[in-house]
Amino acid sequence: MEETITKESKWKKEEEEEAKIQIYKYVFGFAEAAVIKCAIELKIANVIESHGRPTMTLSQLSTALNCSPPLLFRIMRFLTHRGIFREETTPENLIAYSQTPLSHMLINVAPLLLLENSPEIVASWHNLSAKLKNSYNNNENSDLVVPFEVAHGKDIWSYGARNPGFNRMFNEGLGCNARVITLPAILENCGDIFNGVESLVDVGGGNGTTLSVLVKAFPWMKGINFDLPNVVSTSEKYDGVEHVGGNMLDFVPKADAAFFMWILHAWDDEDCIKILRNCKEAIGENKAGGKVIIIDSVIDENEENKMVTDIRLTLDIMMMTRSRKGRERSADEWTQLLINKAGFSRCTITPIPAAVPSIIQAFIS
């Protein structure tokens, strides 16, 4: 018995000692994103990529960036320690740097990272506690508090409508997420979900980036990009894509299938039901094979890949900062929403390999 107590005391002491170090990870949790944002603003990855050789010495890199070598060394040391760049030593015993898959990604997803680390978005995270404080004693209006609105006085859509620079950054960030990360995974692994679909309405399609990729991949398909008027009014023209302005809570343009990517998680079940019923009306009750295709997270806390689970849970908190009642859903919650509440006959959930979201399909018949 005494030996057991001694072991437990030892484990507790070890955990306490580890916690003293681990706590700094959270104290400086913002630092990693800030340094990566710095690397993007300096275009470090772009410069190394265009250098013409696999490696670039510290001296060459600092000259190209017009940066102090000692300061740049410290930034690069931080980033190479995290595997974002690779540090090497030249035959002349000089420090040099080369690209990694992560640094290549920095070039492609820079708009997304700049969006999520913009002052407007970060301010909403810093007001997260306001939402929870207002929910004390089950206040029936607790969901009306949105941290983004607390920070800026307007919801994210109204703010974007009045601030063209933010609106452009928002659409570019979401567009690059679709173009670089999500869509390639869908097309490589699950492109057959578009078989037989001659017209597709992308509901909440933003500036049309997603749909432009899809109609290019499936040229038999006509695309309808549907979003708020202030969003589509600034969208560029794409072959095979028609831009339509409107509110998904009021109607959805007619098509063979409706498509949502990272949209329905922003709405509660009540509004999702309205939107999905509008989709059913747009598709037509008698349309053979008519369906809704949803690209969204499916929370599974038993997921083997803990990093994917962490991202999905982070997205769930993100929805608390931007929307009134938005949230990520589990497989059971998606099934309940689509079949029991919105009235679809059946639904399927298909994980996308090496991706955060899944493909959720809801069928009319």
Protein backbone atom coordinates (compact mmCIF):
# COMPACT_ATOMS: atom_id res chain seq x y z
CA MET A 1 0.00 0.00 0.00
CA GLU A 2 2.80 2.37 0.95
CA GLU A 3 4.63 1.52 -2.27
CA THR A 4 1.49 2.35 -4.32
CA ILE A 5 1.16 5.72 -2.60
CA THR A 6 4.83 6.44 -3.27
CA LYS A 7 4.42 5.67 -6.99
CA GLU A 8 1.30 7.85 -7.24
CA SER A 9 3.11 10.69 -5.51
CA LYS A 10 6.02 10.32 -7.91
CA TRP A 11 3.70 10.37 -10.96
CA LYS A 12 1.88 13.41 -9.57
CA LYS A 13 5.16 15.24 -9.02
CA GLU A 14 6.31 14.39 -12.56
CA GLU A 15 3.02 15.67 -13.98
CA GLU A 16 3.32 18.87 -11.97
CA GLU A 17 6.88 19.40 -13.18
CA GLU A 18 5.83 18.82 -16.78
CA ALA A 19 2.91 21.23 -16.36
CA LYS A 20 5.33 23.98 -15.30
CA ILE A 21 6.98 23.71 -18.71
CA GLN A 22 3.87 22.93 -20.75
CA ILE A 23 2.01 26.00 -19.46
CA TYR A 24 4.33 28.22 -21.51
CA LYS A 25 2.94 26.62 -24.65
CA TYR A 26 -0.37 28.28 -23.81
CA VAL A 27 1.11 31.50 -22.42
CA PHE A 28 2.76 32.08 -25.80
CA GLY A 29 0.21 30.26 -27.94
CA PHE A 30 -0.19 33.29 -30.18
CA ALA A 31 3.52 33.50 -30.99
CA GLU A 32 3.66 30.68 -33.54
CA ALA A 33 0.95 32.21 -35.72
CA ALA A 34 2.57 35.65 -35.39
CA VAL A 35 5.97 34.42 -36.57
CA ILE A 36 4.43 32.51 -39.48
CA LYS A 37 2.48 35.65 -40.41
CA CYS A 38 5.79 37.52 -40.34
CA ALA A 39 7.30 34.93 -42.71
CA ILE A 40 4.38 35.36 -45.10
CA GLU A 41 4.60 39.15 -45.04
CA LEU A 42 8.36 38.96 -45.74
CA LYS A 43 7.67 36.35 -48.48
CA ILE A 44 10.47 34.12 -47.20
CA ALA A 45 9.09 30.96 -48.82
CA ASN A 46 8.51 32.78 -52.12
CA VAL A 47 12.08 34.05 -52.22
CA ILE A 48 13.58 30.62 -51.49
CA GLU A 49 11.24 29.07 -54.08
CA SER A 50 12.33 31.49 -56.80
CA HIS A 51 16.03 31.35 -55.94
CA GLY A 52 16.72 28.72 -58.58
CA ARG A 53 18.68 26.42 -56.30
CA PRO A 54 17.49 23.99 -53.60
CA THR A 55 19.14 25.97 -50.80
CA MET A 56 19.67 29.63 -50.01
CA THR A 57 22.26 30.86 -47.54
CA LEU A 58 21.36 33.19 -44.69
CA SER A 59 23.40 35.93 -46.35
CA GLN A 60 21.62 35.49 -49.69
CA LEU A 61 18.22 35.38 -48.02
CA SER A 62 18.81 38.45 -45.87
CA THR A 63 20.04 40.40 -48.91
CA ALA A 64 17.02 39.38 -50.99
CA LEU A 65 14.63 40.32 -48.17
CA ASN A 66 16.57 43.43 -47.11
CA CYS A 67 16.55 42.11 -43.53
CA SER A 68 19.11 42.08 -40.72
CA PRO A 69 20.96 38.70 -40.86
CA PRO A 70 21.04 38.22 -37.05
CA LEU A 71 17.31 38.96 -36.72
CA LEU A 72 16.42 36.82 -39.72
CA PHE A 73 18.51 33.97 -38.31
CA ARG A 74 16.41 34.00 -35.14
CA ILE A 75 13.16 33.94 -37.12
CA MET A 76 14.44 31.08 -39.28
CA ARG A 77 15.69 29.17 -36.22
CA PHE A 78 12.18 29.36 -34.76
CA LEU A 79 10.58 28.16 -38.01
CA THR A 80 13.08 25.37 -38.77
CA HIS A 81 12.62 24.04 -35.23
CA ARG A 82 8.94 23.57 -36.16
CA GLY A 83 9.75 21.91 -39.48
CA ILE A 84 8.44 24.77 -41.60
CA PHE A 85 11.82 25.29 -43.28
CA ARG A 86 14.86 23.03 -43.33
CA GLU A 87 18.26 24.25 -42.15
CA GLU A 88 21.38 22.88 -43.83
CA THR A 89 25.11 23.55 -43.81
CA THR A 90 26.85 24.25 -47.12
CA PRO A 91 30.27 22.77 -48.06
CA GLU A 92 31.64 26.24 -47.18
CA ASN A 93 30.20 25.78 -43.65
CA LEU A 94 27.51 28.42 -44.19
CA ILE A 95 23.97 28.22 -42.85
CA ALA A 96 21.44 27.67 -45.63
CA TYR A 97 17.72 27.03 -45.86
CA SER A 98 15.50 24.95 -48.11
CA GLN A 99 11.80 24.40 -48.58
CA THR A 100 9.61 21.75 -46.94
CA PRO A 101 6.03 20.68 -47.77
CA LEU A 102 4.86 23.08 -45.04
CA SER A 103 6.74 26.06 -46.46
CA HIS A 104 5.33 25.27 -49.92
CA MET A 105 1.87 25.37 -48.33
CA LEU A 106 2.65 28.78 -46.84
CA ILE A 107 2.87 30.20 -50.34
CA ASN A 108 -0.45 28.71 -51.38
CA VAL A 109 -2.53 29.35 -48.26
CA ALA A 110 -1.15 32.77 -47.35
CA PRO A 111 -4.56 34.47 -47.85
CA LEU A 112 -6.19 32.06 -45.38
CA LEU A 113 -3.54 32.56 -42.71
CA LEU A 114 -3.61 36.35 -43.14
CA LEU A 115 -7.40 36.31 -42.80
CA GLU A 116 -7.46 34.20 -39.65
CA ASN A 117 -4.72 36.33 -38.08
CA SER A 118 -6.15 39.68 -39.14
CA PRO A 119 -6.98 42.19 -36.37
CA GLU A 120 -10.70 41.84 -37.13
CA ILE A 121 -10.76 38.06 -36.68
CA VAL A 122 -8.36 37.95 -33.73
CA ALA A 123 -10.47 40.55 -31.90
CA SER A 124 -13.47 38.21 -32.05
CA TRP A 125 -11.47 35.44 -30.32
CA HIS A 126 -10.52 37.87 -27.56
CA ASN A 127 -14.22 38.47 -26.88
CA LEU A 128 -15.15 34.78 -26.64
CA SER A 129 -15.87 34.97 -22.90
CA ALA A 130 -18.66 37.49 -23.53
CA LYS A 131 -20.74 34.77 -25.16
CA LEU A 132 -20.35 32.38 -22.24
CA LYS A 133 -20.92 35.01 -19.56
CA ASN A 134 -24.21 35.96 -21.19
CA SER A 135 -25.32 32.30 -21.14
CA TYR A 136 -25.21 32.14 -17.32
CA ASN A 137 -28.50 30.92 -15.80
CA ASN A 138 -29.54 29.68 -19.25
CA ASN A 139 -30.28 33.18 -20.52
CA GLU A 140 -32.59 32.60 -23.49
CA ASN A 141 -30.77 35.31 -25.43
CA SER A 142 -27.30 33.84 -24.81
CA ASP A 143 -26.85 32.85 -28.44
CA LEU A 144 -27.53 36.40 -29.58
CA VAL A 145 -24.11 37.45 -28.30
CA VAL A 146 -21.54 37.02 -31.05
CA PRO A 147 -17.91 37.84 -30.17
CA PHE A 148 -17.28 39.30 -33.64
CA GLU A 149 -20.21 41.68 -33.12
CA VAL A 150 -19.00 42.56 -29.62
CA ALA A 151 -15.65 43.55 -31.14
CA HIS A 152 -16.95 45.37 -34.22
CA GLY A 153 -20.58 46.30 -33.62
CA LYS A 154 -21.79 44.38 -36.68
CA ASP A 155 -22.07 40.76 -37.75
CA ILE A 156 -19.33 39.50 -40.02
CA TRP A 157 -21.47 39.77 -43.17
CA SER A 158 -22.59 43.37 -42.50
CA TYR A 159 -19.04 44.29 -41.57
CA GLY A 160 -17.80 42.84 -44.84
CA ALA A 161 -20.45 44.72 -46.82
CA ARG A 162 -19.23 48.03 -45.34
CA ASN A 163 -15.52 47.25 -45.44
CA PRO A 164 -14.46 46.21 -48.96
CA GLY A 165 -10.89 45.46 -47.87
CA PHE A 166 -12.02 42.97 -45.24
CA ASN A 167 -14.65 41.55 -47.61
CA ARG A 168 -11.96 40.91 -50.22
CA MET A 169 -9.60 39.37 -47.64
CA PHE A 170 -12.40 37.18 -46.29
CA ASN A 171 -13.36 35.84 -49.72
CA GLU A 172 -9.74 35.37 -50.79
CA GLY A 173 -8.97 33.47 -47.58
CA LEU A 174 -11.93 31.12 -47.89
CA GLY A 175 -11.36 30.79 -51.63
CA CYS A 176 -7.76 29.67 -51.19
CA ASN A 177 -8.82 27.17 -48.52
CA ALA A 178 -11.19 25.65 -51.06
CA ARG A 179 -8.82 25.81 -54.02
CA VAL A 180 -5.63 24.61 -52.33
CA ILE A 181 -6.72 22.27 -49.55
CA THR A 182 -10.28 20.99 -49.72
CA LEU A 183 -11.16 20.71 -53.41
CA PRO A 184 -8.03 18.82 -54.52
CA ALA A 185 -8.75 16.18 -51.84
CA ILE A 186 -12.37 15.88 -53.01
CA LEU A 187 -11.51 15.66 -56.70
CA GLU A 188 -8.75 13.12 -56.13
CA ASN A 189 -10.75 10.81 -53.90
CA CYS A 190 -14.48 11.49 -54.30
CA GLY A 191 -15.11 13.07 -57.71
CA ASP A 192 -17.83 10.52 -58.52
CA ILE A 193 -20.29 12.41 -56.27
CA PHE A 194 -20.83 14.77 -59.23
CA ASN A 195 -21.69 12.03 -61.72
CA GLY A 196 -25.02 12.77 -63.40
CA VAL A 197 -25.22 16.30 -61.99
CA GLU A 198 -25.85 18.61 -64.94
CA SER A 199 -26.39 21.75 -62.89
CA LEU A 200 -24.99 22.57 -59.45
CA VAL A 201 -25.83 25.52 -57.22
CA ASP A 202 -23.08 26.42 -54.76
CA VAL A 203 -25.04 27.87 -51.85
CA GLY A 204 -22.96 30.46 -50.01
CA GLY A 205 -20.35 30.10 -52.74
CA GLY A 206 -18.55 33.36 -51.99
CA ASN A 207 -16.64 34.77 -54.93
CA GLY A 208 -17.16 31.65 -57.06
CA THR A 209 -13.68 30.16 -56.68
CA THR A 210 -15.00 26.77 -55.60
CA LEU A 211 -17.50 26.48 -58.42
CA SER A 212 -14.98 27.61 -61.04
CA VAL A 213 -12.77 24.65 -60.06
CA LEU A 214 -15.68 22.20 -60.12
CA VAL A 215 -17.06 23.19 -63.55
CA LYS A 216 -13.55 23.01 -64.99
CA ALA A 217 -13.15 19.50 -63.59
CA PHE A 218 -16.64 18.46 -64.77
CA PRO A 219 -17.26 20.49 -67.96
CA TRP A 220 -20.73 18.98 -68.54
CA MET A 221 -21.92 20.73 -65.39
CA LYS A 222 -23.47 24.20 -65.28
CA GLY A 223 -22.59 26.16 -62.16
CA ILE A 224 -24.70 28.67 -60.24
CA ASN A 225 -22.77 30.63 -57.62
CA PHE A 226 -25.30 31.83 -55.03
CA ASP A 227 -24.45 34.27 -52.25
CA LEU A 228 -25.42 37.64 -50.81
CA PRO A 229 -25.64 40.44 -53.41
CA ASN A 230 -22.66 42.36 -51.97
CA VAL A 231 -20.54 39.20 -52.28
CA VAL A 232 -21.38 38.19 -55.85
CA SER A 233 -21.30 41.79 -57.06
CA THR A 234 -17.50 41.80 -56.71
CA SER A 235 -16.95 38.30 -58.10
CA GLU A 236 -15.02 37.85 -61.31
CA LYS A 237 -16.52 36.05 -64.28
CA TYR A 238 -15.81 32.35 -64.78
CA ASP A 239 -16.65 30.17 -67.77
CA GLY A 240 -19.67 27.99 -66.99
CA VAL A 241 -20.57 29.90 -63.81
CA GLU A 242 -23.55 32.20 -63.32
CA HIS A 243 -23.53 34.49 -60.26
CA VAL A 244 -26.87 34.93 -58.48
CA GLY A 245 -27.44 37.20 -55.51
CA GLY A 246 -29.93 36.41 -52.76
CA ASN A 247 -30.50 35.03 -49.28
CA MET A 248 -30.45 31.26 -48.78
CA LEU A 249 -33.04 31.62 -46.01
CA ASP A 250 -35.51 32.94 -48.62
CA PHE A 251 -34.80 30.77 -51.66
CA VAL A 252 -32.21 28.72 -53.51
CA PRO A 253 -31.86 28.80 -57.33
CA LYS A 254 -33.06 25.69 -59.15
CA ALA A 255 -30.47 23.03 -60.02
CA ASP A 256 -29.97 19.26 -60.08
CA ALA A 257 -28.01 19.38 -56.83
CA ALA A 258 -27.14 21.89 -54.12
CA PHE A 259 -23.61 22.18 -52.79
CA PHE A 260 -22.42 23.60 -49.46
CA MET A 261 -18.80 23.88 -48.41
CA TRP A 262 -18.10 25.11 -44.87
CA ILE A 263 -21.53 26.81 -44.77
CA LEU A 264 -24.08 24.91 -42.70
CA HIS A 265 -21.85 24.82 -39.63
CA ALA A 266 -22.55 28.56 -39.33
CA TRP A 267 -26.28 27.96 -38.75
CA ASP A 268 -28.36 26.34 -36.04
CA ASP A 269 -30.72 23.45 -36.80
CA GLU A 270 -33.74 25.74 -37.19
CA ASP A 271 -32.13 27.84 -39.91
CA CYS A 272 -30.48 24.80 -41.51
CA ILE A 273 -33.93 23.25 -41.87
CA LYS A 274 -35.18 26.37 -43.71
CA ILE A 275 -32.14 26.37 -45.99
CA LEU A 276 -32.34 22.64 -46.70
CA ARG A 277 -36.06 22.78 -47.43
CA ASN A 278 -35.37 25.60 -49.89
CA CYS A 279 -32.83 23.27 -51.49
CA LYS A 280 -35.41 20.48 -51.74
CA GLU A 281 -37.79 22.88 -53.47
CA ALA A 282 -35.04 24.05 -55.83
CA ILE A 283 -34.04 20.51 -56.73
CA GLY A 284 -37.61 19.34 -57.10
CA GLU A 285 -39.34 16.55 -55.22
CA ASN A 286 -39.55 14.39 -58.33
CA LYS A 287 -35.98 14.89 -59.46
CA ALA A 288 -34.40 11.45 -59.74
CA GLY A 289 -31.15 11.42 -57.86
CA GLY A 290 -31.65 14.96 -56.58
CA LYS A 291 -29.40 15.59 -53.61
CA VAL A 292 -27.59 18.04 -51.40
CA ILE A 293 -23.81 17.72 -51.12
CA ILE A 294 -22.35 19.10 -47.90
CA ILE A 295 -18.64 19.51 -47.23
CA ASP A 296 -18.30 20.06 -43.51
CA SER A 297 -16.70 18.70 -40.36
CA VAL A 298 -18.01 15.63 -38.60
CA ILE A 299 -16.81 15.54 -35.02
CA ASP A 300 -15.62 12.14 -33.86
CA GLU A 301 -13.71 12.23 -30.60
CA ASN A 302 -12.60 8.65 -31.20
CA GLU A 303 -10.87 9.61 -34.45
CA GLU A 304 -7.43 8.00 -34.59
CA ASN A 305 -5.82 11.14 -36.00
CA LYS A 306 -5.81 13.43 -32.96
CA MET A 307 -4.56 16.38 -35.00
CA VAL A 308 -7.67 16.21 -37.20
CA THR A 309 -9.86 16.07 -34.08
CA ASP A 310 -8.06 19.09 -32.63
CA ILE A 311 -8.74 21.08 -35.81
CA ARG A 312 -12.41 20.11 -35.86
CA LEU A 313 -12.83 21.08 -32.22
CA THR A 314 -11.06 24.38 -32.92
CA LEU A 315 -13.47 25.01 -35.80
CA ASP A 316 -16.33 24.40 -33.37
CA ILE A 317 -15.03 27.16 -31.09
CA MET A 318 -14.40 29.38 -34.12
CA MET A 319 -18.11 29.17 -34.95
CA MET A 320 -18.87 30.48 -31.45
CA THR A 321 -16.83 33.60 -32.25
CA ARG A 322 -18.51 34.34 -35.61
CA SER A 323 -22.08 33.10 -35.51
CA ARG A 324 -25.07 33.14 -33.18
CA LYS A 325 -25.72 29.41 -33.02
CA GLY A 326 -23.27 27.83 -35.45
CA ARG A 327 -21.40 24.67 -34.47
CA GLU A 328 -19.74 21.56 -35.78
CA ARG A 329 -21.85 18.39 -35.63
CA SER A 330 -21.32 14.70 -34.99
CA ALA A 331 -22.46 11.99 -37.42
CA ASP A 332 -25.60 11.39 -35.34
CA GLU A 333 -26.40 15.11 -35.30
CA TRP A 334 -26.03 15.37 -39.07
CA THR A 335 -28.30 12.36 -39.57
CA GLN A 336 -30.91 13.78 -37.20
CA LEU A 337 -30.82 17.13 -38.98
CA LEU A 338 -31.04 15.80 -42.52
CA ILE A 339 -33.49 12.93 -42.15
CA ASN A 340 -35.60 13.53 -39.04
CA LYS A 341 -35.78 17.33 -39.26
CA ALA A 342 -35.26 18.38 -42.89
CA GLY A 343 -37.08 15.35 -44.32
CA PHE A 344 -34.55 13.80 -46.67
CA SER A 345 -35.04 10.11 -47.36
CA ARG A 346 -31.47 9.09 -46.50
CA CYS A 347 -27.96 10.43 -46.07
CA THR A 348 -24.41 9.16 -46.31
CA ILE A 349 -21.21 10.41 -44.66
CA THR A 350 -17.90 9.75 -46.40
CA PRO A 351 -14.58 10.77 -44.84
CA ILE A 352 -12.17 12.49 -47.23
CA PRO A 353 -8.68 10.97 -46.95
CA ALA A 354 -6.11 13.33 -45.42
CA ALA A 355 -8.70 16.09 -44.96
CA VAL A 356 -10.56 17.78 -42.12
CA PRO A 357 -14.10 17.78 -43.58
CA SER A 358 -16.23 14.86 -44.76
CA ILE A 359 -18.69 14.57 -47.64
CA ILE A 360 -22.25 14.45 -46.40
CA GLN A 361 -24.88 13.64 -49.02
CA ALA A 362 -28.63 13.98 -48.42
CA PHE A 363 -30.96 12.40 -50.98
CA ILE A 364 -34.51 13.36 -51.81
CA SER A 365 -35.44 9.87 -53.00
